[in-house]
Amino acid sequence: MDEDAWNQQLADRRAQLEALRRDGRAHIVTRVTLLPPSQGGRHTPVYSDLRPQLWLGQTLIGGRKLFWDAVWLLDGEEPMQLGETRDVTLFLVGLPPIALSLHEYVEFYEGSRRIATGEIIHIHAPGHPQHQQPSGGLQ
């Protein structure tokens, strides 16, 4: 795939995610730190539409971690660099927002590699006890 096609694909995915956010689809905002390789993290920066597994500290009987799929939406066009901390909008796959709490610690994985850590700073899910109305900034 050439660079123009790749950039167009990224723009199309970002537009789809922005439409989900504008349409009121439940999402959360998490302050995320992308771990560098020296801390066991990724070797490359990330863009919107990253789809890591989210871990909330839940384990199954036998000690296996219970993961949830998430889709990241970054503000702006710039990639998130290794070691950077940024607010990331997450769309959750299969996890109802009612299962989340503000200021909850989360970890993100690609396979068995922990690539990022973070804290939930905003829950946008009408009906959720900790739902916050937008205040002019990131929703």
N, C-alpha and C. Protein backbone atom coordinates (compact mmCIF):
# COMPACT_ATOMS: atom_id res chain seq x y z
N MET A 1 0.86 -1.18 0.00
CA MET A 1 0.00 0.00 0.00
C MET A 1 0.90 1.23 0.00
N ASP A 2 0.63 2.15 -0.94
CA ASP A 2 1.45 3.35 -0.99
C ASP A 2 1.04 4.33 0.12
N GLU A 3 1.86 5.36 0.32
CA GLU A 3 1.66 6.29 1.43
C GLU A 3 0.34 7.04 1.32
N ASP A 4 -0.06 7.46 0.11
CA ASP A 4 -1.33 8.18 -0.05
C ASP A 4 -2.52 7.31 0.33
N ALA A 5 -2.51 6.06 -0.10
CA ALA A 5 -3.60 5.14 0.23
C ALA A 5 -3.65 4.90 1.74
N TRP A 6 -2.46 4.75 2.34
CA TRP A 6 -2.39 4.54 3.79
C TRP A 6 -2.96 5.75 4.54
N ASN A 7 -2.57 6.95 4.14
CA ASN A 7 -3.08 8.17 4.78
C ASN A 7 -4.58 8.30 4.61
N GLN A 8 -5.11 7.93 3.44
CA GLN A 8 -6.55 8.00 3.21
C GLN A 8 -7.28 6.99 4.09
N GLN A 9 -6.72 5.80 4.24
CA GLN A 9 -7.33 4.79 5.11
C GLN A 9 -7.37 5.28 6.55
N LEU A 10 -6.29 5.89 7.02
CA LEU A 10 -6.27 6.43 8.38
C LEU A 10 -7.31 7.54 8.54
N ALA A 11 -7.42 8.41 7.56
CA ALA A 11 -8.40 9.50 7.62
C ALA A 11 -9.82 8.96 7.64
N ASP A 12 -10.10 7.92 6.86
CA ASP A 12 -11.43 7.32 6.84
C ASP A 12 -11.78 6.69 8.19
N ARG A 13 -10.83 5.97 8.77
CA ARG A 13 -11.08 5.35 10.08
C ARG A 13 -11.30 6.41 11.15
N ARG A 14 -10.50 7.46 11.12
CA ARG A 14 -10.65 8.54 12.10
C ARG A 14 -12.02 9.19 11.96
N ALA A 15 -12.49 9.41 10.73
CA ALA A 15 -13.81 10.01 10.51
C ALA A 15 -14.92 9.10 11.07
N GLN A 16 -14.76 7.80 10.91
CA GLN A 16 -15.75 6.86 11.45
C GLN A 16 -15.79 6.93 12.97
N LEU A 17 -14.64 6.99 13.62
CA LEU A 17 -14.59 7.06 15.07
C LEU A 17 -15.15 8.38 15.58
N GLU A 18 -14.82 9.47 14.90
CA GLU A 18 -15.36 10.79 15.28
C GLU A 18 -16.88 10.78 15.18
N ALA A 19 -17.42 10.14 14.15
CA ALA A 19 -18.87 10.05 13.98
C ALA A 19 -19.50 9.28 15.14
N LEU A 20 -18.86 8.22 15.58
CA LEU A 20 -19.38 7.47 16.73
C LEU A 20 -19.43 8.35 17.98
N ARG A 21 -18.39 9.13 18.19
CA ARG A 21 -18.34 10.00 19.37
C ARG A 21 -19.43 11.08 19.28
N ARG A 22 -19.58 11.70 18.12
CA ARG A 22 -20.60 12.74 17.94
C ARG A 22 -22.01 12.19 18.09
N ASP A 23 -22.23 10.94 17.67
CA ASP A 23 -23.56 10.33 17.74
C ASP A 23 -23.94 9.88 19.14
N GLY A 24 -23.06 10.09 20.11
CA GLY A 24 -23.38 9.76 21.49
C GLY A 24 -23.07 8.34 21.90
N ARG A 25 -22.32 7.60 21.08
CA ARG A 25 -21.95 6.24 21.46
C ARG A 25 -21.16 6.29 22.76
N ALA A 26 -21.47 5.40 23.68
CA ALA A 26 -20.79 5.36 24.97
C ALA A 26 -19.28 5.23 24.75
N HIS A 27 -18.53 6.05 25.46
CA HIS A 27 -17.07 5.99 25.39
C HIS A 27 -16.50 6.53 26.69
N ILE A 28 -15.23 6.30 26.88
CA ILE A 28 -14.54 6.83 28.04
C ILE A 28 -13.31 7.58 27.56
N VAL A 29 -12.82 8.46 28.40
CA VAL A 29 -11.55 9.13 28.13
C VAL A 29 -10.59 8.68 29.22
N THR A 30 -9.44 8.25 28.78
CA THR A 30 -8.43 7.73 29.69
C THR A 30 -7.13 8.50 29.48
N ARG A 31 -6.49 8.91 30.57
CA ARG A 31 -5.16 9.52 30.48
C ARG A 31 -4.17 8.37 30.40
N VAL A 32 -3.55 8.22 29.25
CA VAL A 32 -2.73 7.04 28.93
C VAL A 32 -1.27 7.43 28.79
N THR A 33 -0.39 6.59 29.31
CA THR A 33 1.05 6.70 29.07
C THR A 33 1.47 5.51 28.22
N LEU A 34 2.01 5.79 27.03
CA LEU A 34 2.49 4.75 26.13
C LEU A 34 3.89 4.34 26.58
N LEU A 35 4.04 3.09 26.96
CA LEU A 35 5.31 2.63 27.53
C LEU A 35 6.38 2.47 26.44
N PRO A 36 7.60 2.92 26.72
CA PRO A 36 8.70 2.74 25.78
C PRO A 36 9.25 1.31 25.87
N PRO A 37 10.08 0.90 24.92
CA PRO A 37 10.65 -0.46 24.95
C PRO A 37 11.41 -0.76 26.24
N SER A 38 12.04 0.25 26.82
CA SER A 38 12.82 0.01 28.05
C SER A 38 11.92 -0.43 29.22
N GLN A 39 10.60 -0.18 29.10
CA GLN A 39 9.65 -0.63 30.12
C GLN A 39 8.79 -1.77 29.60
N GLY A 40 9.23 -2.41 28.51
CA GLY A 40 8.52 -3.55 27.96
C GLY A 40 7.44 -3.19 26.96
N GLY A 41 7.34 -1.90 26.59
CA GLY A 41 6.28 -1.45 25.69
C GLY A 41 6.61 -1.60 24.22
N ARG A 42 5.89 -0.83 23.43
CA ARG A 42 6.03 -0.87 21.97
C ARG A 42 7.37 -0.31 21.51
N HIS A 43 7.66 -0.57 20.22
CA HIS A 43 8.86 -0.01 19.60
C HIS A 43 8.52 1.09 18.61
N THR A 44 7.21 1.29 18.35
CA THR A 44 6.78 2.30 17.39
C THR A 44 5.65 3.14 17.97
N PRO A 45 5.48 4.39 17.52
CA PRO A 45 4.37 5.21 17.97
C PRO A 45 3.04 4.64 17.50
N VAL A 46 1.94 5.18 18.02
CA VAL A 46 0.61 4.70 17.63
C VAL A 46 -0.23 5.83 17.08
N TYR A 47 -1.21 5.45 16.28
CA TYR A 47 -2.17 6.37 15.68
C TYR A 47 -3.56 5.99 16.16
N SER A 48 -4.55 6.81 15.80
CA SER A 48 -5.94 6.46 16.07
C SER A 48 -6.23 5.09 15.46
N ASP A 49 -7.21 4.43 16.01
CA ASP A 49 -7.68 3.12 15.57
C ASP A 49 -6.81 1.98 16.08
N LEU A 50 -5.93 2.26 17.03
CA LEU A 50 -5.22 1.17 17.69
C LEU A 50 -6.26 0.34 18.43
N ARG A 51 -6.11 -0.96 18.44
CA ARG A 51 -7.10 -1.85 19.05
C ARG A 51 -6.45 -2.80 20.06
N PRO A 52 -5.97 -2.24 21.16
CA PRO A 52 -5.36 -3.10 22.18
C PRO A 52 -6.43 -3.75 23.06
N GLN A 53 -5.99 -4.66 23.90
CA GLN A 53 -6.88 -5.25 24.90
C GLN A 53 -6.75 -4.42 26.18
N LEU A 54 -7.90 -4.18 26.80
CA LEU A 54 -7.98 -3.40 28.03
C LEU A 54 -8.08 -4.36 29.20
N TRP A 55 -7.28 -4.10 30.24
CA TRP A 55 -7.34 -4.92 31.45
C TRP A 55 -7.67 -4.01 32.63
N LEU A 56 -8.70 -4.40 33.37
CA LEU A 56 -9.17 -3.61 34.51
C LEU A 56 -8.78 -4.22 35.84
N GLY A 57 -7.87 -5.16 35.84
CA GLY A 57 -7.47 -5.81 37.08
C GLY A 57 -8.29 -7.05 37.40
N GLN A 58 -9.16 -7.46 36.47
CA GLN A 58 -10.00 -8.63 36.69
C GLN A 58 -9.26 -9.89 36.27
N THR A 59 -9.42 -10.94 37.07
CA THR A 59 -8.83 -12.22 36.71
C THR A 59 -9.89 -13.31 36.80
N LEU A 60 -9.69 -14.35 36.02
CA LEU A 60 -10.57 -15.50 36.04
C LEU A 60 -10.07 -16.50 37.07
N ILE A 61 -10.90 -17.47 37.39
CA ILE A 61 -10.45 -18.55 38.27
C ILE A 61 -9.25 -19.21 37.59
N GLY A 62 -8.21 -19.41 38.33
CA GLY A 62 -6.99 -19.96 37.78
C GLY A 62 -5.95 -18.87 37.49
N GLY A 63 -6.33 -17.61 37.69
CA GLY A 63 -5.37 -16.52 37.57
C GLY A 63 -5.21 -15.89 36.21
N ARG A 64 -5.94 -16.37 35.19
CA ARG A 64 -5.83 -15.74 33.86
C ARG A 64 -6.48 -14.37 33.88
N LYS A 65 -5.84 -13.41 33.21
CA LYS A 65 -6.38 -12.05 33.14
C LYS A 65 -7.59 -12.01 32.20
N LEU A 66 -8.58 -11.19 32.57
CA LEU A 66 -9.77 -11.00 31.75
C LEU A 66 -9.61 -9.69 30.98
N PHE A 67 -9.53 -9.79 29.64
CA PHE A 67 -9.30 -8.63 28.78
C PHE A 67 -10.57 -8.23 28.05
N TRP A 68 -10.63 -6.94 27.67
CA TRP A 68 -11.73 -6.39 26.88
C TRP A 68 -11.12 -5.66 25.70
N ASP A 69 -11.77 -5.75 24.56
CA ASP A 69 -11.28 -5.04 23.37
C ASP A 69 -11.65 -3.57 23.45
N ALA A 70 -10.75 -2.73 22.98
CA ALA A 70 -10.98 -1.28 22.96
C ALA A 70 -10.44 -0.72 21.65
N VAL A 71 -11.01 0.40 21.22
CA VAL A 71 -10.53 1.12 20.05
C VAL A 71 -10.14 2.52 20.50
N TRP A 72 -8.92 2.94 20.18
CA TRP A 72 -8.42 4.25 20.58
C TRP A 72 -8.75 5.29 19.53
N LEU A 73 -9.10 6.48 20.00
CA LEU A 73 -9.25 7.65 19.13
C LEU A 73 -8.39 8.75 19.73
N LEU A 74 -7.36 9.15 19.00
CA LEU A 74 -6.46 10.22 19.45
C LEU A 74 -6.97 11.55 18.90
N ASP A 75 -6.83 12.61 19.67
CA ASP A 75 -7.15 13.94 19.16
C ASP A 75 -5.99 14.40 18.28
N GLY A 76 -6.31 15.01 17.17
CA GLY A 76 -5.28 15.49 16.26
C GLY A 76 -4.76 14.39 15.36
N GLU A 77 -3.90 14.77 14.47
CA GLU A 77 -3.35 13.84 13.47
C GLU A 77 -2.00 13.26 13.88
N GLU A 78 -1.38 13.85 14.91
CA GLU A 78 -0.05 13.42 15.30
C GLU A 78 -0.10 12.08 16.02
N PRO A 79 0.86 11.19 15.75
CA PRO A 79 0.90 9.92 16.47
C PRO A 79 1.28 10.13 17.93
N MET A 80 0.93 9.19 18.76
CA MET A 80 1.33 9.20 20.16
C MET A 80 2.71 8.55 20.25
N GLN A 81 3.66 9.29 20.80
CA GLN A 81 5.05 8.83 20.84
C GLN A 81 5.31 7.98 22.08
N LEU A 82 6.32 7.15 22.00
CA LEU A 82 6.72 6.31 23.12
C LEU A 82 7.07 7.17 24.33
N GLY A 83 6.54 6.82 25.50
CA GLY A 83 6.79 7.56 26.72
C GLY A 83 5.86 8.75 26.92
N GLU A 84 5.06 9.08 25.91
CA GLU A 84 4.15 10.23 25.99
C GLU A 84 2.90 9.88 26.80
N THR A 85 2.37 10.89 27.50
CA THR A 85 1.10 10.76 28.21
C THR A 85 0.11 11.67 27.52
N ARG A 86 -1.06 11.12 27.20
CA ARG A 86 -2.07 11.87 26.45
C ARG A 86 -3.46 11.35 26.81
N ASP A 87 -4.47 12.22 26.66
CA ASP A 87 -5.85 11.79 26.84
C ASP A 87 -6.30 11.08 25.57
N VAL A 88 -6.85 9.87 25.75
CA VAL A 88 -7.27 9.02 24.63
C VAL A 88 -8.74 8.66 24.83
N THR A 89 -9.55 8.84 23.77
CA THR A 89 -10.94 8.40 23.81
C THR A 89 -10.97 6.92 23.46
N LEU A 90 -11.70 6.14 24.26
CA LEU A 90 -11.81 4.70 24.04
C LEU A 90 -13.24 4.31 23.75
N PHE A 91 -13.43 3.51 22.73
CA PHE A 91 -14.70 2.85 22.49
C PHE A 91 -14.51 1.40 22.92
N LEU A 92 -15.38 0.91 23.76
CA LEU A 92 -15.24 -0.42 24.32
C LEU A 92 -16.07 -1.43 23.54
N VAL A 93 -15.52 -2.62 23.35
CA VAL A 93 -16.20 -3.68 22.63
C VAL A 93 -16.59 -4.75 23.64
N GLY A 94 -17.88 -4.88 23.88
CA GLY A 94 -18.38 -5.94 24.75
C GLY A 94 -18.39 -5.62 26.23
N LEU A 95 -17.86 -4.50 26.63
CA LEU A 95 -17.83 -4.13 28.04
C LEU A 95 -18.79 -2.98 28.27
N PRO A 96 -19.84 -3.18 29.06
CA PRO A 96 -20.76 -2.08 29.32
C PRO A 96 -20.09 -1.03 30.20
N PRO A 97 -20.29 0.26 29.89
CA PRO A 97 -19.64 1.32 30.67
C PRO A 97 -20.00 1.28 32.16
N ILE A 98 -21.11 0.66 32.51
CA ILE A 98 -21.51 0.59 33.92
C ILE A 98 -20.44 -0.15 34.74
N ALA A 99 -19.62 -0.96 34.08
CA ALA A 99 -18.58 -1.73 34.78
C ALA A 99 -17.36 -0.89 35.12
N LEU A 100 -17.37 0.39 34.73
CA LEU A 100 -16.20 1.25 34.91
C LEU A 100 -16.44 2.30 35.97
N SER A 101 -15.35 2.80 36.54
CA SER A 101 -15.42 3.86 37.54
C SER A 101 -14.39 4.94 37.21
N LEU A 102 -14.74 6.18 37.52
CA LEU A 102 -13.78 7.26 37.35
C LEU A 102 -12.53 6.99 38.19
N HIS A 103 -11.40 7.39 37.67
CA HIS A 103 -10.09 7.28 38.32
C HIS A 103 -9.65 5.82 38.50
N GLU A 104 -10.28 4.91 37.78
CA GLU A 104 -9.88 3.50 37.82
C GLU A 104 -8.59 3.33 37.01
N TYR A 105 -7.66 2.55 37.53
CA TYR A 105 -6.40 2.24 36.86
C TYR A 105 -6.65 1.18 35.79
N VAL A 106 -6.08 1.36 34.61
CA VAL A 106 -6.23 0.40 33.52
C VAL A 106 -4.88 0.14 32.88
N GLU A 107 -4.78 -1.01 32.23
CA GLU A 107 -3.59 -1.36 31.47
C GLU A 107 -4.03 -1.81 30.08
N PHE A 108 -3.16 -1.60 29.09
CA PHE A 108 -3.44 -1.98 27.72
C PHE A 108 -2.37 -2.96 27.25
N TYR A 109 -2.81 -3.99 26.53
CA TYR A 109 -1.93 -5.06 26.07
C TYR A 109 -2.08 -5.29 24.58
N GLU A 110 -0.99 -5.70 23.95
CA GLU A 110 -0.98 -6.28 22.62
C GLU A 110 -0.39 -7.67 22.81
N GLY A 111 -1.23 -8.67 22.75
CA GLY A 111 -0.80 -10.02 23.09
C GLY A 111 -0.44 -10.05 24.56
N SER A 112 0.74 -10.53 24.90
CA SER A 112 1.16 -10.58 26.30
C SER A 112 1.97 -9.35 26.71
N ARG A 113 2.18 -8.43 25.79
CA ARG A 113 2.99 -7.24 26.06
C ARG A 113 2.13 -6.09 26.58
N ARG A 114 2.49 -5.58 27.76
CA ARG A 114 1.81 -4.40 28.29
C ARG A 114 2.39 -3.19 27.58
N ILE A 115 1.53 -2.46 26.83
CA ILE A 115 2.02 -1.35 26.02
C ILE A 115 1.70 0.02 26.60
N ALA A 116 0.73 0.08 27.53
CA ALA A 116 0.34 1.37 28.09
C ALA A 116 -0.38 1.18 29.41
N THR A 117 -0.35 2.23 30.22
CA THR A 117 -1.11 2.25 31.46
C THR A 117 -1.90 3.56 31.49
N GLY A 118 -2.93 3.60 32.32
CA GLY A 118 -3.70 4.83 32.36
C GLY A 118 -4.72 4.86 33.48
N GLU A 119 -5.50 5.94 33.46
CA GLU A 119 -6.54 6.18 34.45
C GLU A 119 -7.76 6.74 33.73
N ILE A 120 -8.94 6.23 34.07
CA ILE A 120 -10.18 6.73 33.47
C ILE A 120 -10.46 8.11 34.05
N ILE A 121 -10.59 9.12 33.17
CA ILE A 121 -10.83 10.49 33.65
C ILE A 121 -12.19 11.03 33.25
N HIS A 122 -12.90 10.32 32.35
CA HIS A 122 -14.22 10.78 31.93
C HIS A 122 -15.01 9.59 31.41
N ILE A 123 -16.28 9.52 31.79
CA ILE A 123 -17.18 8.47 31.29
C ILE A 123 -18.33 9.17 30.58
N HIS A 124 -18.50 8.87 29.30
CA HIS A 124 -19.61 9.43 28.54
C HIS A 124 -20.55 8.27 28.22
N ALA A 125 -21.52 8.07 29.08
CA ALA A 125 -22.50 7.00 28.90
C ALA A 125 -23.76 7.42 29.63
N PRO A 126 -24.71 8.05 28.92
CA PRO A 126 -25.94 8.46 29.59
C PRO A 126 -26.54 7.31 30.39
N GLY A 127 -26.93 7.60 31.62
CA GLY A 127 -27.46 6.58 32.51
C GLY A 127 -26.41 6.01 33.46
N HIS A 128 -25.14 6.23 33.17
CA HIS A 128 -24.07 5.77 34.07
C HIS A 128 -24.05 6.69 35.28
N PRO A 129 -23.90 6.15 36.50
CA PRO A 129 -23.91 6.99 37.69
C PRO A 129 -22.83 8.06 37.71
N GLN A 130 -21.73 7.86 36.98
CA GLN A 130 -20.65 8.84 36.97
C GLN A 130 -20.54 9.56 35.64
N HIS A 131 -21.61 9.50 34.82
CA HIS A 131 -21.63 10.20 33.53
C HIS A 131 -21.49 11.69 33.78
N GLN A 132 -20.66 12.34 32.96
CA GLN A 132 -20.45 13.77 33.08
C GLN A 132 -20.92 14.45 31.81
N GLN A 133 -21.60 15.57 31.95
CA GLN A 133 -22.00 16.35 30.79
C GLN A 133 -20.76 17.01 30.20
N PRO A 134 -20.70 17.14 28.88
CA PRO A 134 -19.56 17.82 28.27
C PRO A 134 -19.42 19.24 28.80
N SER A 135 -18.17 19.64 28.96
CA SER A 135 -17.90 20.98 29.49
C SER A 135 -17.08 21.81 28.52
N GLY A 136 -17.37 21.68 27.25
CA GLY A 136 -16.68 22.49 26.25
C GLY A 136 -15.40 21.89 25.74
N GLY A 137 -14.82 20.94 26.47
CA GLY A 137 -13.59 20.30 26.03
C GLY A 137 -13.87 18.96 25.40
N LEU A 138 -12.97 18.06 25.61
CA LEU A 138 -13.10 16.71 25.08
C LEU A 138 -14.28 16.02 25.72
N GLN A 139 -15.10 15.36 24.94
CA GLN A 139 -16.30 14.68 25.48
C GLN A 139 -16.00 13.24 25.76
